[in-house]
Amino acid sequence: MSNTEQAPVKPVLTPAAAKRANASVIGMIMALLVSVLAIVPVVLLNAGQKTDPYRPSVDVASVAVNAKDVAGFAPVAPQLPAGYSPNYARWVAGASDGVAHWDIGYLTPQQKFISVVQTASANPTWLAEQVKKAPTTGTRTVAGVDWTLYDKPGVEKSLVATVGRTTVVLSGSAGFDEFDTVAAAVVAAPRS
């Protein structure tokens, strides 16, 4: 070899330096194992998701009878086919918006939601709030009643009609077939 060409330099680690270099790798592996051991019990102790969600027992007809004297009209208690389950039924006194109304929520067979809101004192402001300020996009005739459709992309749709001497608003994320089923049951519900 000539003076201008030098052999590549090979670094030499002393045993103490090699031990220090391996210590950070060993520490990292130990920290990873401790983290995994801490997470495994939490995952194993966490309750799994139930296959059948909890459905409260709501007797819509009984609550409607109780609300009738306060309402001044007969709140609807639609008889829906199997697969529709009520989440709630309540009389809302209307303290914040001034419009007292009957309110029922249903979970549909397709696991969607439809609410039924009924009042004898609807006004344009209240109605706009109920339909989430969606524009009128058409009409649907269900059970001989013309329902006005309010729909805006990204917002739930609503059907509004006069049933008896009350205004009924159906709102939710369900498909039109399920809306039609609920609307027909509302129209067919006995009123006095």
C-alpha atoms as a PDB file:
ATOM      1  CA  MET A   1       0.000   0.000   0.000  1.00  0.00           C
ATOM      2  CA  SER A   2       1.023   3.492  -0.688  1.00  0.00           C
ATOM      3  CA  ASN A   3       0.926   6.409   1.660  1.00  0.00           C
ATOM      4  CA  THR A   4      -1.999   7.968  -0.191  1.00  0.00           C
ATOM      5  CA  GLU A   5      -4.178   4.867   0.154  1.00  0.00           C
ATOM      6  CA  GLN A   6      -5.194   4.007   3.659  1.00  0.00           C
ATOM      7  CA  ALA A   7      -6.969   0.918   4.866  1.00  0.00           C
ATOM      8  CA  PRO A   8     -10.526   1.508   6.120  1.00  0.00           C
ATOM      9  CA  VAL A   9     -10.684   2.139   9.797  1.00  0.00           C
ATOM     10  CA  LYS A  10     -12.580  -0.478  11.751  1.00  0.00           C
ATOM     11  CA  PRO A  11     -14.031   0.881  14.987  1.00  0.00           C
ATOM     12  CA  VAL A  12     -13.234  -1.151  18.011  1.00  0.00           C
ATOM     13  CA  LEU A  13     -15.625  -1.238  20.938  1.00  0.00           C
ATOM     14  CA  THR A  14     -14.356  -2.103  24.299  1.00  0.00           C
ATOM     15  CA  PRO A  15     -16.439  -4.594  26.260  1.00  0.00           C
ATOM     16  CA  ALA A  16     -17.684  -1.779  28.514  1.00  0.00           C
ATOM     17  CA  ALA A  17     -18.774   0.346  25.496  1.00  0.00           C
ATOM     18  CA  ALA A  18     -20.546  -2.645  23.917  1.00  0.00           C
ATOM     19  CA  LYS A  19     -22.399  -3.262  27.187  1.00  0.00           C
ATOM     20  CA  ARG A  20     -23.545   0.398  27.314  1.00  0.00           C
ATOM     21  CA  ALA A  21     -24.708   0.243  23.662  1.00  0.00           C
ATOM     22  CA  ASN A  22     -26.745  -2.917  24.294  1.00  0.00           C
ATOM     23  CA  ALA A  23     -28.229  -1.519  27.507  1.00  0.00           C
ATOM     24  CA  SER A  24     -30.454   0.963  25.637  1.00  0.00           C
ATOM     25  CA  VAL A  25     -31.793  -1.807  23.354  1.00  0.00           C
ATOM     26  CA  ILE A  26     -32.448  -4.116  26.294  1.00  0.00           C
ATOM     27  CA  GLY A  27     -34.130  -1.265  28.199  1.00  0.00           C
ATOM     28  CA  MET A  28     -36.378  -0.506  25.247  1.00  0.00           C
ATOM     29  CA  ILE A  29     -37.436  -4.164  24.950  1.00  0.00           C
ATOM     30  CA  MET A  30     -38.134  -4.356  28.691  1.00  0.00           C
ATOM     31  CA  ALA A  31     -40.228  -1.159  28.565  1.00  0.00           C
ATOM     32  CA  LEU A  32     -42.234  -2.575  25.652  1.00  0.00           C
ATOM     33  CA  LEU A  33     -42.896  -5.818  27.563  1.00  0.00           C
ATOM     34  CA  VAL A  34     -43.994  -3.902  30.673  1.00  0.00           C
ATOM     35  CA  SER A  35     -46.375  -1.783  28.536  1.00  0.00           C
ATOM     36  CA  VAL A  36     -47.898  -4.852  26.909  1.00  0.00           C
ATOM     37  CA  LEU A  37     -48.269  -6.567  30.292  1.00  0.00           C
ATOM     38  CA  ALA A  38     -50.055  -3.465  31.627  1.00  0.00           C
ATOM     39  CA  ILE A  39     -52.473  -3.285  28.679  1.00  0.00           C
ATOM     40  CA  VAL A  40     -53.406  -6.990  28.462  1.00  0.00           C
ATOM     41  CA  PRO A  41     -55.374  -7.110  31.772  1.00  0.00           C
ATOM     42  CA  VAL A  42     -57.278  -3.942  30.845  1.00  0.00           C
ATOM     43  CA  VAL A  43     -58.294  -5.415  27.495  1.00  0.00           C
ATOM     44  CA  LEU A  44     -59.250  -8.756  29.040  1.00  0.00           C
ATOM     45  CA  LEU A  45     -61.273  -7.164  31.847  1.00  0.00           C
ATOM     46  CA  ASN A  46     -63.135  -4.807  29.505  1.00  0.00           C
ATOM     47  CA  ALA A  47     -66.677  -6.022  28.901  1.00  0.00           C
ATOM     48  CA  GLY A  48     -67.384  -6.957  25.313  1.00  0.00           C
ATOM     49  CA  GLN A  49     -70.151  -5.308  23.333  1.00  0.00           C
ATOM     50  CA  LYS A  50     -73.560  -6.830  23.856  1.00  0.00           C
ATOM     51  CA  THR A  51     -75.072  -8.326  20.755  1.00  0.00           C
ATOM     52  CA  ASP A  52     -78.572  -7.197  21.731  1.00  0.00           C
ATOM     53  CA  PRO A  53     -78.730  -3.566  22.856  1.00  0.00           C
ATOM     54  CA  TYR A  54     -80.742  -2.602  25.900  1.00  0.00           C
ATOM     55  CA  ARG A  55     -84.279  -1.607  25.018  1.00  0.00           C
ATOM     56  CA  PRO A  56     -86.265   0.155  27.702  1.00  0.00           C
ATOM     57  CA  SER A  57     -89.801  -0.989  28.383  1.00  0.00           C
ATOM     58  CA  VAL A  58     -91.986   1.986  27.432  1.00  0.00           C
ATOM     59  CA  ASP A  59     -95.775   1.723  27.424  1.00  0.00           C
ATOM     60  CA  VAL A  60     -96.600   4.508  24.957  1.00  0.00           C
ATOM     61  CA  ALA A  61    -100.376   4.059  25.293  1.00  0.00           C
ATOM     62  CA  SER A  62    -100.294   4.461  29.097  1.00  0.00           C
ATOM     63  CA  VAL A  63     -98.120   7.560  28.944  1.00  0.00           C
ATOM     64  CA  ALA A  64    -100.401   8.999  26.241  1.00  0.00           C
ATOM     65  CA  VAL A  65    -103.471   8.484  28.450  1.00  0.00           C
ATOM     66  CA  ASN A  66    -101.698  10.255  31.319  1.00  0.00           C
ATOM     67  CA  ALA A  67    -100.723  13.180  29.050  1.00  0.00           C
ATOM     68  CA  LYS A  68    -104.202  13.616  27.520  1.00  0.00           C
ATOM     69  CA  ASP A  69    -105.618  15.860  30.278  1.00  0.00           C
ATOM     70  CA  VAL A  70    -102.614  18.190  30.177  1.00  0.00           C
ATOM     71  CA  ALA A  71    -102.356  18.183  26.370  1.00  0.00           C
ATOM     72  CA  GLY A  72    -105.895  19.213  25.543  1.00  0.00           C
ATOM     73  CA  PHE A  73    -105.874  16.683  22.685  1.00  0.00           C
ATOM     74  CA  ALA A  74    -105.480  12.919  22.413  1.00  0.00           C
ATOM     75  CA  PRO A  75    -101.764  12.166  22.034  1.00  0.00           C
ATOM     76  CA  VAL A  76    -101.166   9.499  19.391  1.00  0.00           C
ATOM     77  CA  ALA A  77    -100.037   6.055  20.454  1.00  0.00           C
ATOM     78  CA  PRO A  78     -99.261   4.371  17.125  1.00  0.00           C
ATOM     79  CA  GLN A  79     -99.564   0.589  16.923  1.00  0.00           C
ATOM     80  CA  LEU A  80     -96.403  -0.381  15.042  1.00  0.00           C
ATOM     81  CA  PRO A  81     -95.423  -3.832  13.749  1.00  0.00           C
ATOM     82  CA  ALA A  82     -92.832  -6.033  15.421  1.00  0.00           C
ATOM     83  CA  GLY A  83     -89.319  -4.628  15.216  1.00  0.00           C
ATOM     84  CA  TYR A  84     -90.235  -1.055  16.173  1.00  0.00           C
ATOM     85  CA  SER A  85     -89.425  -0.373  19.798  1.00  0.00           C
ATOM     86  CA  PRO A  86     -90.168   2.840  21.701  1.00  0.00           C
ATOM     87  CA  ASN A  87     -87.208   4.490  23.447  1.00  0.00           C
ATOM     88  CA  TYR A  88     -89.261   7.122  25.237  1.00  0.00           C
ATOM     89  CA  ALA A  89     -92.694   8.727  25.412  1.00  0.00           C
ATOM     90  CA  ARG A  90     -93.111  12.064  27.167  1.00  0.00           C
ATOM     91  CA  TRP A  91     -95.122  15.227  27.439  1.00  0.00           C
ATOM     92  CA  VAL A  92     -92.933  18.323  26.936  1.00  0.00           C
ATOM     93  CA  ALA A  93     -94.419  21.385  28.633  1.00  0.00           C
ATOM     94  CA  GLY A  94     -92.799  23.786  26.151  1.00  0.00           C
ATOM     95  CA  ALA A  95     -91.184  26.086  28.684  1.00  0.00           C
ATOM     96  CA  SER A  96     -88.221  27.058  26.473  1.00  0.00           C
ATOM     97  CA  ASP A  97     -89.984  27.395  23.110  1.00  0.00           C
ATOM     98  CA  GLY A  98     -93.543  28.021  24.278  1.00  0.00           C
ATOM     99  CA  VAL A  99     -94.994  25.048  22.352  1.00  0.00           C
ATOM    100  CA  ALA A 100     -96.166  22.149  24.492  1.00  0.00           C
ATOM    101  CA  HIS A 101     -95.982  18.846  22.634  1.00  0.00           C
ATOM    102  CA  TRP A 102     -96.190  15.067  22.805  1.00  0.00           C
ATOM    103  CA  ASP A 103     -92.897  13.343  21.942  1.00  0.00           C
ATOM    104  CA  ILE A 104     -92.186   9.665  21.217  1.00  0.00           C
ATOM    105  CA  GLY A 105     -88.952   8.081  19.968  1.00  0.00           C
ATOM    106  CA  TYR A 106     -88.745   4.753  18.121  1.00  0.00           C
ATOM    107  CA  LEU A 107     -85.893   2.478  17.117  1.00  0.00           C
ATOM    108  CA  THR A 108     -86.767   0.879  13.774  1.00  0.00           C
ATOM    109  CA  PRO A 109     -86.101  -2.683  12.540  1.00  0.00           C
ATOM    110  CA  GLN A 110     -83.133  -1.293  10.542  1.00  0.00           C
ATOM    111  CA  GLN A 111     -81.670   0.153  13.790  1.00  0.00           C
ATOM    112  CA  LYS A 112     -82.510   3.737  12.753  1.00  0.00           C
ATOM    113  CA  PHE A 113     -84.432   6.349  14.726  1.00  0.00           C
ATOM    114  CA  ILE A 114     -87.755   8.109  14.139  1.00  0.00           C
ATOM    115  CA  SER A 115     -89.348  10.595  16.510  1.00  0.00           C
ATOM    116  CA  VAL A 116     -93.049  11.459  16.540  1.00  0.00           C
ATOM    117  CA  VAL A 117     -93.836  14.967  17.779  1.00  0.00           C
ATOM    118  CA  GLN A 118     -97.444  16.167  18.037  1.00  0.00           C
ATOM    119  CA  THR A 119     -98.856  19.530  19.093  1.00  0.00           C
ATOM    120  CA  ALA A 120    -102.026  21.587  18.830  1.00  0.00           C
ATOM    121  CA  SER A 121    -100.115  24.883  18.919  1.00  0.00           C
ATOM    122  CA  ALA A 122     -97.453  24.706  16.193  1.00  0.00           C
ATOM    123  CA  ASN A 123     -96.004  27.952  14.883  1.00  0.00           C
ATOM    124  CA  PRO A 124     -93.532  28.585  12.032  1.00  0.00           C
ATOM    125  CA  THR A 125     -90.539  29.097  14.354  1.00  0.00           C
ATOM    126  CA  TRP A 126     -91.213  25.933  16.322  1.00  0.00           C
ATOM    127  CA  LEU A 127     -91.767  23.955  13.124  1.00  0.00           C
ATOM    128  CA  ALA A 128     -88.480  25.227  11.630  1.00  0.00           C
ATOM    129  CA  GLU A 129     -86.648  24.035  14.760  1.00  0.00           C
ATOM    130  CA  GLN A 130     -88.346  20.621  14.621  1.00  0.00           C
ATOM    131  CA  VAL A 131     -87.243  20.044  11.002  1.00  0.00           C
ATOM    132  CA  LYS A 132     -83.706  21.366  11.719  1.00  0.00           C
ATOM    133  CA  LYS A 133     -84.318  24.316   9.354  1.00  0.00           C
ATOM    134  CA  ALA A 134     -84.316  21.968   6.365  1.00  0.00           C
ATOM    135  CA  PRO A 135     -86.041  23.179   3.196  1.00  0.00           C
ATOM    136  CA  THR A 136     -89.286  21.739   1.868  1.00  0.00           C
ATOM    137  CA  THR A 137     -88.313  19.228  -0.809  1.00  0.00           C
ATOM    138  CA  GLY A 138     -91.642  17.629  -1.724  1.00  0.00           C
ATOM    139  CA  THR A 139     -94.696  15.801  -0.458  1.00  0.00           C
ATOM    140  CA  ARG A 140     -95.598  12.179   0.244  1.00  0.00           C
ATOM    141  CA  THR A 141     -99.081  10.763   0.565  1.00  0.00           C
ATOM    142  CA  VAL A 142     -99.306   8.117   3.263  1.00  0.00           C
ATOM    143  CA  ALA A 143    -102.591   6.586   4.463  1.00  0.00           C
ATOM    144  CA  GLY A 144    -104.564   9.258   2.596  1.00  0.00           C
ATOM    145  CA  VAL A 145    -102.739  12.160   4.274  1.00  0.00           C
ATOM    146  CA  ASP A 146    -100.394  14.521   2.448  1.00  0.00           C
ATOM    147  CA  TRP A 147     -97.120  14.867   4.359  1.00  0.00           C
ATOM    148  CA  THR A 148     -94.660  17.686   3.586  1.00  0.00           C
ATOM    149  CA  LEU A 149     -91.083  16.431   3.241  1.00  0.00           C
ATOM    150  CA  TYR A 150     -88.215  18.488   4.701  1.00  0.00           C
ATOM    151  CA  ASP A 151     -84.783  17.209   3.764  1.00  0.00           C
ATOM    152  CA  LYS A 152     -81.263  18.609   3.715  1.00  0.00           C
ATOM    153  CA  PRO A 153     -78.112  16.538   3.012  1.00  0.00           C
ATOM    154  CA  GLY A 154     -76.327  15.562   6.229  1.00  0.00           C
ATOM    155  CA  VAL A 155     -79.400  16.331   8.359  1.00  0.00           C
ATOM    156  CA  GLU A 156     -82.193  13.956   9.281  1.00  0.00           C
ATOM    157  CA  LYS A 157     -85.339  14.181   7.174  1.00  0.00           C
ATOM    158  CA  SER A 158     -88.805  15.110   8.433  1.00  0.00           C
ATOM    159  CA  LEU A 159     -92.407  14.566   7.380  1.00  0.00           C
ATOM    160  CA  VAL A 160     -95.027  17.055   8.612  1.00  0.00           C
ATOM    161  CA  ALA A 161     -98.821  16.775   8.360  1.00  0.00           C
ATOM    162  CA  THR A 162    -102.035  17.879   9.995  1.00  0.00           C
ATOM    163  CA  VAL A 163    -103.614  14.845  11.624  1.00  0.00           C
ATOM    164  CA  GLY A 164    -106.961  15.585  13.236  1.00  0.00           C
ATOM    165  CA  ARG A 165    -106.604  19.029  14.759  1.00  0.00           C
ATOM    166  CA  THR A 166    -102.896  18.642  15.525  1.00  0.00           C
ATOM    167  CA  THR A 167     -99.596  19.033  13.701  1.00  0.00           C
ATOM    168  CA  VAL A 168     -97.475  15.871  13.608  1.00  0.00           C
ATOM    169  CA  VAL A 169     -93.747  15.921  12.814  1.00  0.00           C
ATOM    170  CA  LEU A 170     -91.872  12.702  12.071  1.00  0.00           C
ATOM    171  CA  SER A 171     -88.086  13.140  12.071  1.00  0.00           C
ATOM    172  CA  GLY A 172     -85.136  10.792  11.944  1.00  0.00           C
ATOM    173  CA  SER A 173     -82.517   8.883  10.048  1.00  0.00           C
ATOM    174  CA  ALA A 174     -84.704   5.980   8.872  1.00  0.00           C
ATOM    175  CA  GLY A 175     -85.535   5.172   5.268  1.00  0.00           C
ATOM    176  CA  PHE A 176     -88.787   6.213   3.596  1.00  0.00           C
ATOM    177  CA  ASP A 177     -90.296   2.736   3.960  1.00  0.00           C
ATOM    178  CA  GLU A 178     -89.962   2.959   7.757  1.00  0.00           C
ATOM    179  CA  PHE A 179     -91.207   6.570   7.757  1.00  0.00           C
ATOM    180  CA  ASP A 180     -94.258   5.410   5.779  1.00  0.00           C
ATOM    181  CA  THR A 181     -94.947   2.648   8.317  1.00  0.00           C
ATOM    182  CA  VAL A 182     -94.824   5.097  11.240  1.00  0.00           C
ATOM    183  CA  ALA A 183     -96.860   7.739   9.361  1.00  0.00           C
ATOM    184  CA  ALA A 184     -99.575   5.180   8.520  1.00  0.00           C
ATOM    185  CA  ALA A 185     -99.694   4.034  12.168  1.00  0.00           C
ATOM    186  CA  VAL A 186    -100.006   7.666  13.348  1.00  0.00           C
ATOM    187  CA  VAL A 187    -102.907   8.299  10.960  1.00  0.00           C
ATOM    188  CA  ALA A 188    -104.608   5.036  12.017  1.00  0.00           C
ATOM    189  CA  ALA A 189    -104.131   5.671  15.766  1.00  0.00           C
ATOM    190  CA  PRO A 190    -107.427   6.268  17.560  1.00  0.00           C
ATOM    191  CA  ARG A 191    -108.181   9.872  18.488  1.00  0.00           C
ATOM    192  CA  SER A 192    -111.000  11.261  20.553  1.00  0.00           C
END
